[in-house]
Amino acid sequence: MARLPYPDLSRPDIAPIAERIKAERGGKMLNLYHMLLHSPPVADGWRAFLTAIRQQCLLSGRARELAILRVAVLNHADYEFNAHVPFAKKEGVTQAQLDDMRADRVPAGFTDADRAVLECTDAMTRHIQVPDAVFAAVREHFADREAMELVATIAAYNLVSRFLVAIQVDHE
């Protein structure tokens, strides 16, 4: 159960942002965004930032989703993992690979680029600092902008997972 109640979406200070979020999310209000609406400016900034990360970057969807899933596993953020399973499947991640990832195992069939994403995610999430060898592996597979977007994605989803876990946002 969430540590805070979900705010009333009809409140005048919340309703316009709630409608914008629903419009961008196919008419749905995820519990994550519902909880964020305690602070309309934070919810709106979060929406803009995470929309940029998810939808406006050149980083491949596969790399993005692998990083997000790995962050979720490392931070014990089941809500985040479950929310991104459908996106990962669209990017070619199999159910067996998802099961391995959830169990904190490196899945069979992952490419060197996939492993570079996971190693960078592990370093950033567990230790903050990324060893030169780990970043060099990222650079072997990703152009400058994509490497920066990978790091931004990992950082952003560490934010998401830490929020979800601290507030104990309910699963949908």
N, C-alpha and C. Protein backbone atom coordinates (compact mmCIF):
# COMPACT_ATOMS: atom_id res chain seq x y z
N MET A 1 0.84 -1.18 0.00
CA MET A 1 0.00 0.00 0.00
C MET A 1 0.89 1.24 0.00
N ALA A 2 0.51 2.20 -0.79
CA ALA A 2 1.29 3.43 -0.91
C ALA A 2 1.36 4.17 0.42
N ARG A 3 2.47 4.84 0.65
CA ARG A 3 2.68 5.58 1.89
C ARG A 3 1.94 6.90 1.95
N LEU A 4 1.48 7.37 0.81
CA LEU A 4 0.68 8.60 0.73
C LEU A 4 -0.60 8.27 -0.01
N PRO A 5 -1.69 8.97 0.30
CA PRO A 5 -2.91 8.75 -0.48
C PRO A 5 -2.73 9.36 -1.88
N TYR A 6 -3.47 8.85 -2.82
CA TYR A 6 -3.44 9.42 -4.17
C TYR A 6 -4.33 10.66 -4.16
N PRO A 7 -3.84 11.78 -4.71
CA PRO A 7 -4.62 13.02 -4.66
C PRO A 7 -5.86 12.97 -5.57
N ASP A 8 -6.79 13.83 -5.26
CA ASP A 8 -8.02 13.97 -6.03
C ASP A 8 -7.68 14.63 -7.37
N LEU A 9 -7.91 13.91 -8.47
CA LEU A 9 -7.56 14.41 -9.79
C LEU A 9 -8.43 15.56 -10.26
N SER A 10 -9.53 15.79 -9.57
CA SER A 10 -10.41 16.89 -9.97
C SER A 10 -10.03 18.22 -9.31
N ARG A 11 -9.02 18.20 -8.43
CA ARG A 11 -8.59 19.46 -7.82
C ARG A 11 -8.21 20.45 -8.92
N PRO A 12 -8.58 21.71 -8.79
CA PRO A 12 -8.30 22.68 -9.85
C PRO A 12 -6.82 22.85 -10.19
N ASP A 13 -5.94 22.68 -9.21
CA ASP A 13 -4.51 22.82 -9.48
C ASP A 13 -3.92 21.57 -10.14
N ILE A 14 -4.65 20.47 -10.09
CA ILE A 14 -4.17 19.20 -10.62
C ILE A 14 -4.81 18.84 -11.95
N ALA A 15 -6.08 19.15 -12.10
CA ALA A 15 -6.86 18.69 -13.26
C ALA A 15 -6.21 18.96 -14.62
N PRO A 16 -5.69 20.17 -14.89
CA PRO A 16 -5.11 20.40 -16.23
C PRO A 16 -3.91 19.50 -16.52
N ILE A 17 -3.06 19.33 -15.53
CA ILE A 17 -1.88 18.49 -15.74
C ILE A 17 -2.30 17.02 -15.82
N ALA A 18 -3.27 16.63 -15.01
CA ALA A 18 -3.78 15.25 -15.06
C ALA A 18 -4.33 14.94 -16.45
N GLU A 19 -5.05 15.88 -17.02
CA GLU A 19 -5.60 15.67 -18.37
C GLU A 19 -4.49 15.56 -19.41
N ARG A 20 -3.45 16.38 -19.29
CA ARG A 20 -2.32 16.31 -20.22
C ARG A 20 -1.62 14.95 -20.12
N ILE A 21 -1.42 14.50 -18.89
CA ILE A 21 -0.79 13.19 -18.68
C ILE A 21 -1.65 12.09 -19.29
N LYS A 22 -2.93 12.11 -19.03
CA LYS A 22 -3.82 11.08 -19.58
C LYS A 22 -3.82 11.12 -21.10
N ALA A 23 -3.82 12.31 -21.68
CA ALA A 23 -3.82 12.43 -23.14
C ALA A 23 -2.55 11.82 -23.74
N GLU A 24 -1.43 12.01 -23.07
CA GLU A 24 -0.16 11.47 -23.56
C GLU A 24 -0.01 9.98 -23.29
N ARG A 25 -0.79 9.45 -22.38
CA ARG A 25 -0.67 8.05 -21.96
C ARG A 25 -1.88 7.23 -22.40
N GLY A 26 -2.50 7.59 -23.49
CA GLY A 26 -3.62 6.81 -24.00
C GLY A 26 -4.84 6.79 -23.11
N GLY A 27 -5.08 7.89 -22.40
CA GLY A 27 -6.25 7.99 -21.54
C GLY A 27 -6.07 7.38 -20.16
N LYS A 28 -4.88 6.88 -19.87
CA LYS A 28 -4.63 6.23 -18.58
C LYS A 28 -3.89 7.15 -17.62
N MET A 29 -4.17 6.98 -16.36
CA MET A 29 -3.41 7.65 -15.31
C MET A 29 -2.73 6.56 -14.49
N LEU A 30 -1.45 6.36 -14.76
CA LEU A 30 -0.69 5.37 -14.00
C LEU A 30 -0.56 5.84 -12.55
N ASN A 31 -0.47 4.89 -11.64
CA ASN A 31 -0.33 5.24 -10.23
C ASN A 31 0.90 6.10 -9.97
N LEU A 32 1.97 5.87 -10.72
CA LEU A 32 3.17 6.70 -10.57
C LEU A 32 2.83 8.17 -10.78
N TYR A 33 2.18 8.48 -11.90
CA TYR A 33 1.83 9.88 -12.18
C TYR A 33 0.76 10.39 -11.23
N HIS A 34 -0.15 9.53 -10.84
CA HIS A 34 -1.18 9.94 -9.89
C HIS A 34 -0.52 10.41 -8.59
N MET A 35 0.46 9.64 -8.12
CA MET A 35 1.17 10.01 -6.89
C MET A 35 1.95 11.30 -7.08
N LEU A 36 2.60 11.45 -8.22
CA LEU A 36 3.38 12.66 -8.48
C LEU A 36 2.53 13.92 -8.47
N LEU A 37 1.24 13.78 -8.73
CA LEU A 37 0.36 14.94 -8.80
C LEU A 37 0.12 15.61 -7.44
N HIS A 38 0.69 15.07 -6.38
CA HIS A 38 0.69 15.83 -5.12
C HIS A 38 1.37 17.18 -5.35
N SER A 39 2.32 17.19 -6.28
CA SER A 39 3.01 18.42 -6.63
C SER A 39 2.88 18.61 -8.15
N PRO A 40 1.92 19.40 -8.60
CA PRO A 40 1.74 19.58 -10.04
C PRO A 40 3.01 20.01 -10.79
N PRO A 41 3.84 20.91 -10.25
CA PRO A 41 5.06 21.26 -11.00
C PRO A 41 6.02 20.08 -11.14
N VAL A 42 6.15 19.27 -10.09
CA VAL A 42 7.02 18.10 -10.17
C VAL A 42 6.45 17.10 -11.18
N ALA A 43 5.16 16.85 -11.12
CA ALA A 43 4.53 15.91 -12.05
C ALA A 43 4.72 16.36 -13.50
N ASP A 44 4.55 17.64 -13.75
CA ASP A 44 4.67 18.13 -15.12
C ASP A 44 6.13 18.10 -15.60
N GLY A 45 7.06 18.46 -14.74
CA GLY A 45 8.47 18.38 -15.10
C GLY A 45 8.90 16.94 -15.33
N TRP A 46 8.46 16.05 -14.48
CA TRP A 46 8.75 14.62 -14.60
C TRP A 46 8.22 14.11 -15.95
N ARG A 47 6.98 14.47 -16.27
CA ARG A 47 6.35 14.06 -17.52
C ARG A 47 7.19 14.50 -18.72
N ALA A 48 7.60 15.75 -18.71
CA ALA A 48 8.39 16.28 -19.83
C ALA A 48 9.75 15.58 -19.93
N PHE A 49 10.42 15.42 -18.81
CA PHE A 49 11.75 14.80 -18.79
C PHE A 49 11.69 13.34 -19.23
N LEU A 50 10.80 12.57 -18.63
CA LEU A 50 10.74 11.15 -18.96
C LEU A 50 10.19 10.91 -20.36
N THR A 51 9.34 11.81 -20.86
CA THR A 51 8.90 11.69 -22.25
C THR A 51 10.08 11.90 -23.19
N ALA A 52 10.94 12.84 -22.88
CA ALA A 52 12.15 13.05 -23.69
C ALA A 52 13.02 11.80 -23.67
N ILE A 53 13.23 11.23 -22.51
CA ILE A 53 14.07 10.03 -22.39
C ILE A 53 13.46 8.87 -23.18
N ARG A 54 12.17 8.65 -23.02
CA ARG A 54 11.53 7.49 -23.65
C ARG A 54 11.25 7.66 -25.14
N GLN A 55 10.96 8.88 -25.58
CA GLN A 55 10.42 9.03 -26.92
C GLN A 55 11.20 9.94 -27.86
N GLN A 56 12.17 10.68 -27.35
CA GLN A 56 12.84 11.66 -28.20
C GLN A 56 14.34 11.44 -28.35
N CYS A 57 14.83 10.35 -27.85
CA CYS A 57 16.26 10.06 -27.93
C CYS A 57 16.57 9.18 -29.13
N LEU A 58 17.82 9.21 -29.55
CA LEU A 58 18.28 8.34 -30.62
C LEU A 58 18.72 6.97 -30.12
N LEU A 59 18.94 6.84 -28.83
CA LEU A 59 19.31 5.55 -28.25
C LEU A 59 18.25 4.52 -28.64
N SER A 60 18.70 3.34 -29.01
CA SER A 60 17.75 2.31 -29.44
C SER A 60 16.79 1.96 -28.31
N GLY A 61 15.59 1.57 -28.70
CA GLY A 61 14.60 1.14 -27.71
C GLY A 61 15.09 -0.07 -26.93
N ARG A 62 15.81 -0.94 -27.59
CA ARG A 62 16.33 -2.13 -26.90
C ARG A 62 17.30 -1.73 -25.78
N ALA A 63 18.26 -0.87 -26.10
CA ALA A 63 19.22 -0.43 -25.08
C ALA A 63 18.50 0.27 -23.94
N ARG A 64 17.56 1.14 -24.29
CA ARG A 64 16.79 1.86 -23.26
C ARG A 64 16.08 0.88 -22.34
N GLU A 65 15.37 -0.07 -22.91
CA GLU A 65 14.59 -1.00 -22.09
C GLU A 65 15.47 -1.93 -21.28
N LEU A 66 16.60 -2.37 -21.82
CA LEU A 66 17.51 -3.20 -21.03
C LEU A 66 18.03 -2.42 -19.83
N ALA A 67 18.39 -1.16 -20.04
CA ALA A 67 18.87 -0.34 -18.92
C ALA A 67 17.78 -0.17 -17.87
N ILE A 68 16.56 0.12 -18.31
CA ILE A 68 15.46 0.33 -17.37
C ILE A 68 15.18 -0.94 -16.57
N LEU A 69 15.13 -2.07 -17.25
CA LEU A 69 14.87 -3.33 -16.55
C LEU A 69 15.97 -3.64 -15.54
N ARG A 70 17.23 -3.37 -15.93
CA ARG A 70 18.34 -3.65 -15.02
C ARG A 70 18.30 -2.74 -13.79
N VAL A 71 17.99 -1.47 -14.00
CA VAL A 71 17.83 -0.55 -12.87
C VAL A 71 16.75 -1.08 -11.94
N ALA A 72 15.64 -1.50 -12.51
CA ALA A 72 14.52 -2.00 -11.70
C ALA A 72 14.93 -3.20 -10.86
N VAL A 73 15.68 -4.11 -11.45
CA VAL A 73 16.14 -5.29 -10.70
C VAL A 73 17.07 -4.87 -9.57
N LEU A 74 18.05 -4.04 -9.89
CA LEU A 74 19.03 -3.64 -8.88
C LEU A 74 18.41 -2.87 -7.73
N ASN A 75 17.36 -2.09 -8.02
CA ASN A 75 16.72 -1.27 -6.99
C ASN A 75 15.45 -1.89 -6.42
N HIS A 76 15.19 -3.13 -6.79
CA HIS A 76 14.01 -3.86 -6.28
C HIS A 76 12.71 -3.11 -6.56
N ALA A 77 12.62 -2.58 -7.77
CA ALA A 77 11.45 -1.79 -8.18
C ALA A 77 10.58 -2.63 -9.12
N ASP A 78 9.79 -3.51 -8.52
CA ASP A 78 8.94 -4.41 -9.31
C ASP A 78 7.96 -3.64 -10.19
N TYR A 79 7.42 -2.54 -9.69
CA TYR A 79 6.49 -1.73 -10.48
C TYR A 79 7.15 -1.32 -11.79
N GLU A 80 8.37 -0.82 -11.70
CA GLU A 80 9.10 -0.36 -12.87
C GLU A 80 9.39 -1.52 -13.83
N PHE A 81 9.82 -2.65 -13.30
CA PHE A 81 10.12 -3.81 -14.14
C PHE A 81 8.85 -4.23 -14.89
N ASN A 82 7.77 -4.43 -14.15
CA ASN A 82 6.52 -4.88 -14.77
C ASN A 82 6.01 -3.90 -15.82
N ALA A 83 6.15 -2.62 -15.56
CA ALA A 83 5.67 -1.61 -16.50
C ALA A 83 6.44 -1.65 -17.82
N HIS A 84 7.69 -2.09 -17.78
CA HIS A 84 8.52 -2.06 -18.99
C HIS A 84 8.65 -3.40 -19.71
N VAL A 85 8.08 -4.45 -19.17
CA VAL A 85 8.10 -5.74 -19.85
C VAL A 85 7.49 -5.65 -21.25
N PRO A 86 6.31 -5.06 -21.42
CA PRO A 86 5.75 -5.00 -22.79
C PRO A 86 6.64 -4.23 -23.77
N PHE A 87 7.28 -3.17 -23.31
CA PHE A 87 8.17 -2.39 -24.18
C PHE A 87 9.41 -3.21 -24.55
N ALA A 88 9.94 -3.94 -23.57
CA ALA A 88 11.11 -4.78 -23.84
C ALA A 88 10.78 -5.89 -24.84
N LYS A 89 9.60 -6.46 -24.70
CA LYS A 89 9.19 -7.51 -25.65
C LYS A 89 9.08 -6.94 -27.06
N LYS A 90 8.57 -5.71 -27.18
CA LYS A 90 8.49 -5.07 -28.50
C LYS A 90 9.88 -4.85 -29.09
N GLU A 91 10.88 -4.76 -28.25
CA GLU A 91 12.26 -4.55 -28.69
C GLU A 91 13.02 -5.86 -28.88
N GLY A 92 12.30 -6.99 -28.82
CA GLY A 92 12.91 -8.28 -29.10
C GLY A 92 13.45 -9.04 -27.91
N VAL A 93 13.21 -8.56 -26.71
CA VAL A 93 13.65 -9.29 -25.52
C VAL A 93 12.63 -10.41 -25.28
N THR A 94 13.13 -11.64 -25.17
CA THR A 94 12.24 -12.79 -25.02
C THR A 94 11.80 -12.96 -23.57
N GLN A 95 10.76 -13.76 -23.38
CA GLN A 95 10.29 -14.03 -22.02
C GLN A 95 11.37 -14.72 -21.21
N ALA A 96 12.11 -15.64 -21.82
CA ALA A 96 13.20 -16.32 -21.10
C ALA A 96 14.26 -15.32 -20.66
N GLN A 97 14.59 -14.37 -21.53
CA GLN A 97 15.57 -13.34 -21.16
C GLN A 97 15.02 -12.44 -20.05
N LEU A 98 13.74 -12.11 -20.13
CA LEU A 98 13.13 -11.31 -19.06
C LEU A 98 13.17 -12.07 -17.74
N ASP A 99 12.88 -13.36 -17.78
CA ASP A 99 12.93 -14.17 -16.56
C ASP A 99 14.34 -14.20 -15.98
N ASP A 100 15.34 -14.34 -16.85
CA ASP A 100 16.73 -14.31 -16.38
C ASP A 100 17.06 -12.95 -15.76
N MET A 101 16.66 -11.88 -16.44
CA MET A 101 16.95 -10.55 -15.91
C MET A 101 16.29 -10.36 -14.54
N ARG A 102 15.03 -10.76 -14.43
CA ARG A 102 14.32 -10.62 -13.15
C ARG A 102 15.03 -11.40 -12.04
N ALA A 103 15.63 -12.53 -12.40
CA ALA A 103 16.35 -13.36 -11.43
C ALA A 103 17.80 -12.91 -11.25
N ASP A 104 18.16 -11.76 -11.81
CA ASP A 104 19.49 -11.17 -11.67
C ASP A 104 20.57 -12.02 -12.35
N ARG A 105 20.20 -12.61 -13.49
CA ARG A 105 21.15 -13.38 -14.30
C ARG A 105 21.30 -12.68 -15.66
N VAL A 106 22.49 -12.79 -16.25
CA VAL A 106 22.70 -12.26 -17.60
C VAL A 106 22.10 -13.27 -18.57
N PRO A 107 21.13 -12.85 -19.35
CA PRO A 107 20.45 -13.78 -20.26
C PRO A 107 21.34 -14.28 -21.39
N ALA A 108 21.07 -15.48 -21.83
CA ALA A 108 21.74 -16.04 -23.00
C ALA A 108 21.27 -15.27 -24.23
N GLY A 109 22.14 -15.18 -25.21
CA GLY A 109 21.78 -14.56 -26.46
C GLY A 109 21.94 -13.05 -26.50
N PHE A 110 22.44 -12.47 -25.44
CA PHE A 110 22.66 -11.03 -25.45
C PHE A 110 23.93 -10.70 -26.22
N THR A 111 23.90 -9.61 -26.94
CA THR A 111 25.04 -9.16 -27.74
C THR A 111 26.06 -8.45 -26.85
N ASP A 112 27.21 -8.15 -27.43
CA ASP A 112 28.21 -7.36 -26.70
C ASP A 112 27.65 -5.98 -26.35
N ALA A 113 26.86 -5.40 -27.24
CA ALA A 113 26.24 -4.10 -26.96
C ALA A 113 25.27 -4.22 -25.79
N ASP A 114 24.47 -5.28 -25.76
CA ASP A 114 23.54 -5.50 -24.65
C ASP A 114 24.31 -5.61 -23.33
N ARG A 115 25.40 -6.36 -23.35
CA ARG A 115 26.18 -6.54 -22.13
C ARG A 115 26.84 -5.23 -21.69
N ALA A 116 27.24 -4.41 -22.65
CA ALA A 116 27.81 -3.09 -22.32
C ALA A 116 26.77 -2.23 -21.62
N VAL A 117 25.53 -2.28 -22.09
CA VAL A 117 24.44 -1.53 -21.45
C VAL A 117 24.26 -2.01 -20.01
N LEU A 118 24.23 -3.32 -19.82
CA LEU A 118 24.02 -3.86 -18.47
C LEU A 118 25.18 -3.51 -17.54
N GLU A 119 26.41 -3.59 -18.05
CA GLU A 119 27.57 -3.27 -17.20
C GLU A 119 27.60 -1.80 -16.82
N CYS A 120 27.25 -0.93 -17.75
CA CYS A 120 27.19 0.50 -17.45
C CYS A 120 26.08 0.77 -16.43
N THR A 121 24.95 0.11 -16.61
CA THR A 121 23.83 0.27 -15.67
C THR A 121 24.23 -0.20 -14.28
N ASP A 122 24.90 -1.34 -14.21
CA ASP A 122 25.35 -1.84 -12.91
C ASP A 122 26.29 -0.85 -12.24
N ALA A 123 27.27 -0.34 -12.99
CA ALA A 123 28.24 0.58 -12.41
C ALA A 123 27.55 1.84 -11.90
N MET A 124 26.72 2.45 -12.74
CA MET A 124 26.06 3.70 -12.34
C MET A 124 25.12 3.49 -11.15
N THR A 125 24.40 2.39 -11.13
CA THR A 125 23.39 2.16 -10.11
C THR A 125 24.02 1.72 -8.79
N ARG A 126 25.01 0.87 -8.88
CA ARG A 126 25.63 0.35 -7.65
C ARG A 126 26.72 1.26 -7.09
N HIS A 127 27.50 1.89 -7.97
CA HIS A 127 28.69 2.60 -7.51
C HIS A 127 28.75 4.07 -7.94
N ILE A 128 27.85 4.51 -8.77
CA ILE A 128 27.78 5.85 -9.35
C ILE A 128 28.89 6.05 -10.37
N GLN A 129 30.13 5.80 -10.00
CA GLN A 129 31.24 5.98 -10.92
C GLN A 129 31.33 4.81 -11.89
N VAL A 130 31.61 5.13 -13.14
CA VAL A 130 31.71 4.12 -14.19
C VAL A 130 33.19 3.94 -14.53
N PRO A 131 33.73 2.75 -14.34
CA PRO A 131 35.14 2.52 -14.68
C PRO A 131 35.40 2.79 -16.16
N ASP A 132 36.62 3.23 -16.46
CA ASP A 132 36.99 3.54 -17.84
C ASP A 132 36.74 2.37 -18.78
N ALA A 133 37.04 1.16 -18.36
CA ALA A 133 36.86 0.00 -19.22
C ALA A 133 35.39 -0.23 -19.55
N VAL A 134 34.52 0.02 -18.60
CA VAL A 134 33.07 -0.14 -18.82
C VAL A 134 32.59 0.92 -19.81
N PHE A 135 33.03 2.16 -19.62
CA PHE A 135 32.59 3.20 -20.55
C PHE A 135 33.19 3.00 -21.94
N ALA A 136 34.40 2.47 -21.99
CA ALA A 136 35.01 2.18 -23.29
C ALA A 136 34.18 1.15 -24.05
N ALA A 137 33.63 0.17 -23.34
CA ALA A 137 32.77 -0.83 -23.98
C ALA A 137 31.50 -0.17 -24.52
N VAL A 138 30.95 0.78 -23.79
CA VAL A 138 29.78 1.53 -24.27
C VAL A 138 30.16 2.26 -25.55
N ARG A 139 31.31 2.91 -25.55
CA ARG A 139 31.75 3.71 -26.71
C ARG A 139 31.99 2.85 -27.95
N GLU A 140 32.29 1.56 -27.75
CA GLU A 140 32.48 0.66 -28.90
C GLU A 140 31.17 0.45 -29.66
N HIS A 141 30.05 0.61 -28.99
CA HIS A 141 28.75 0.26 -29.58
C HIS A 141 27.82 1.44 -29.80
N PHE A 142 28.14 2.59 -29.22
CA PHE A 142 27.22 3.72 -29.27
C PHE A 142 27.96 4.99 -29.64
N ALA A 143 27.35 5.79 -30.51
CA ALA A 143 27.88 7.11 -30.86
C ALA A 143 27.80 8.03 -29.64
N ASP A 144 28.45 9.19 -29.73
CA ASP A 144 28.50 10.10 -28.59
C ASP A 144 27.12 10.41 -28.02
N ARG A 145 26.20 10.81 -28.89
CA ARG A 145 24.85 11.17 -28.41
C ARG A 145 24.17 9.96 -27.76
N GLU A 146 24.29 8.80 -28.36
CA GLU A 146 23.66 7.61 -27.80
C GLU A 146 24.29 7.23 -26.46
N ALA A 147 25.59 7.37 -26.33
CA ALA A 147 26.25 7.07 -25.06
C ALA A 147 25.76 8.02 -23.98
N MET A 148 25.64 9.32 -24.33
CA MET A 148 25.12 10.29 -23.37
C MET A 148 23.68 9.95 -23.01
N GLU A 149 22.87 9.59 -24.01
CA GLU A 149 21.47 9.25 -23.74
C GLU A 149 21.34 7.98 -22.91
N LEU A 150 22.25 7.04 -23.08
CA LEU A 150 22.24 5.85 -22.23
C LEU A 150 22.48 6.23 -20.78
N VAL A 151 23.49 7.05 -20.55
CA VAL A 151 23.78 7.50 -19.19
C VAL A 151 22.60 8.28 -18.61
N ALA A 152 21.99 9.15 -19.41
CA ALA A 152 20.82 9.91 -18.95
C ALA A 152 19.65 8.98 -18.64
N THR A 153 19.46 7.96 -19.45
CA THR A 153 18.38 7.00 -19.21
C THR A 153 18.60 6.24 -17.92
N ILE A 154 19.80 5.78 -17.70
CA ILE A 154 20.12 5.06 -16.45
C ILE A 154 19.89 5.97 -15.25
N ALA A 155 20.36 7.20 -15.35
CA ALA A 155 20.17 8.15 -14.24
C ALA A 155 18.68 8.43 -14.01
N ALA A 156 17.94 8.65 -15.09
CA ALA A 156 16.51 8.95 -14.98
C ALA A 156 15.75 7.81 -14.33
N TYR A 157 16.03 6.60 -14.73
CA TYR A 157 15.28 5.47 -14.19
C TYR A 157 15.74 5.07 -12.80
N ASN A 158 16.93 5.49 -12.39
CA ASN A 158 17.28 5.37 -10.98
C ASN A 158 16.40 6.32 -10.17
N LEU A 159 16.15 7.51 -10.69
CA LEU A 159 15.21 8.44 -10.06
C LEU A 159 13.84 7.80 -9.94
N VAL A 160 13.34 7.25 -11.04
CA VAL A 160 12.01 6.65 -11.04
C VAL A 160 11.93 5.53 -10.01
N SER A 161 12.88 4.62 -10.04
CA SER A 161 12.81 3.46 -9.14
C SER A 161 12.92 3.87 -7.67
N ARG A 162 13.76 4.84 -7.40
CA ARG A 162 13.89 5.28 -6.01
C ARG A 162 12.61 5.94 -5.51
N PHE A 163 11.95 6.68 -6.35
CA PHE A 163 10.67 7.28 -5.99
C PHE A 163 9.62 6.18 -5.74
N LEU A 164 9.51 5.26 -6.68
CA LEU A 164 8.51 4.19 -6.57
C LEU A 164 8.69 3.37 -5.29
N VAL A 165 9.94 3.02 -5.01
CA VAL A 165 10.22 2.18 -3.84
C VAL A 165 10.03 2.95 -2.54
N ALA A 166 10.48 4.20 -2.48
CA ALA A 166 10.37 4.98 -1.24
C ALA A 166 8.92 5.26 -0.88
N ILE A 167 8.09 5.58 -1.89
CA ILE A 167 6.68 5.89 -1.63
C ILE A 167 5.83 4.62 -1.61
N GLN A 168 6.38 3.53 -2.10
CA GLN A 168 5.66 2.26 -2.22
C GLN A 168 4.41 2.42 -3.09
N VAL A 169 4.62 3.01 -4.26
CA VAL A 169 3.51 3.21 -5.20
C VAL A 169 2.93 1.84 -5.55
N ASP A 170 1.61 1.76 -5.51
CA ASP A 170 0.91 0.50 -5.79
C ASP A 170 1.02 0.12 -7.26
N HIS A 171 1.11 -1.17 -7.52
CA HIS A 171 1.06 -1.67 -8.89
C HIS A 171 -0.31 -1.34 -9.48
N GLU A 172 -0.35 -1.26 -10.80
CA GLU A 172 -1.62 -0.94 -11.46
C GLU A 172 -2.62 -2.05 -11.19
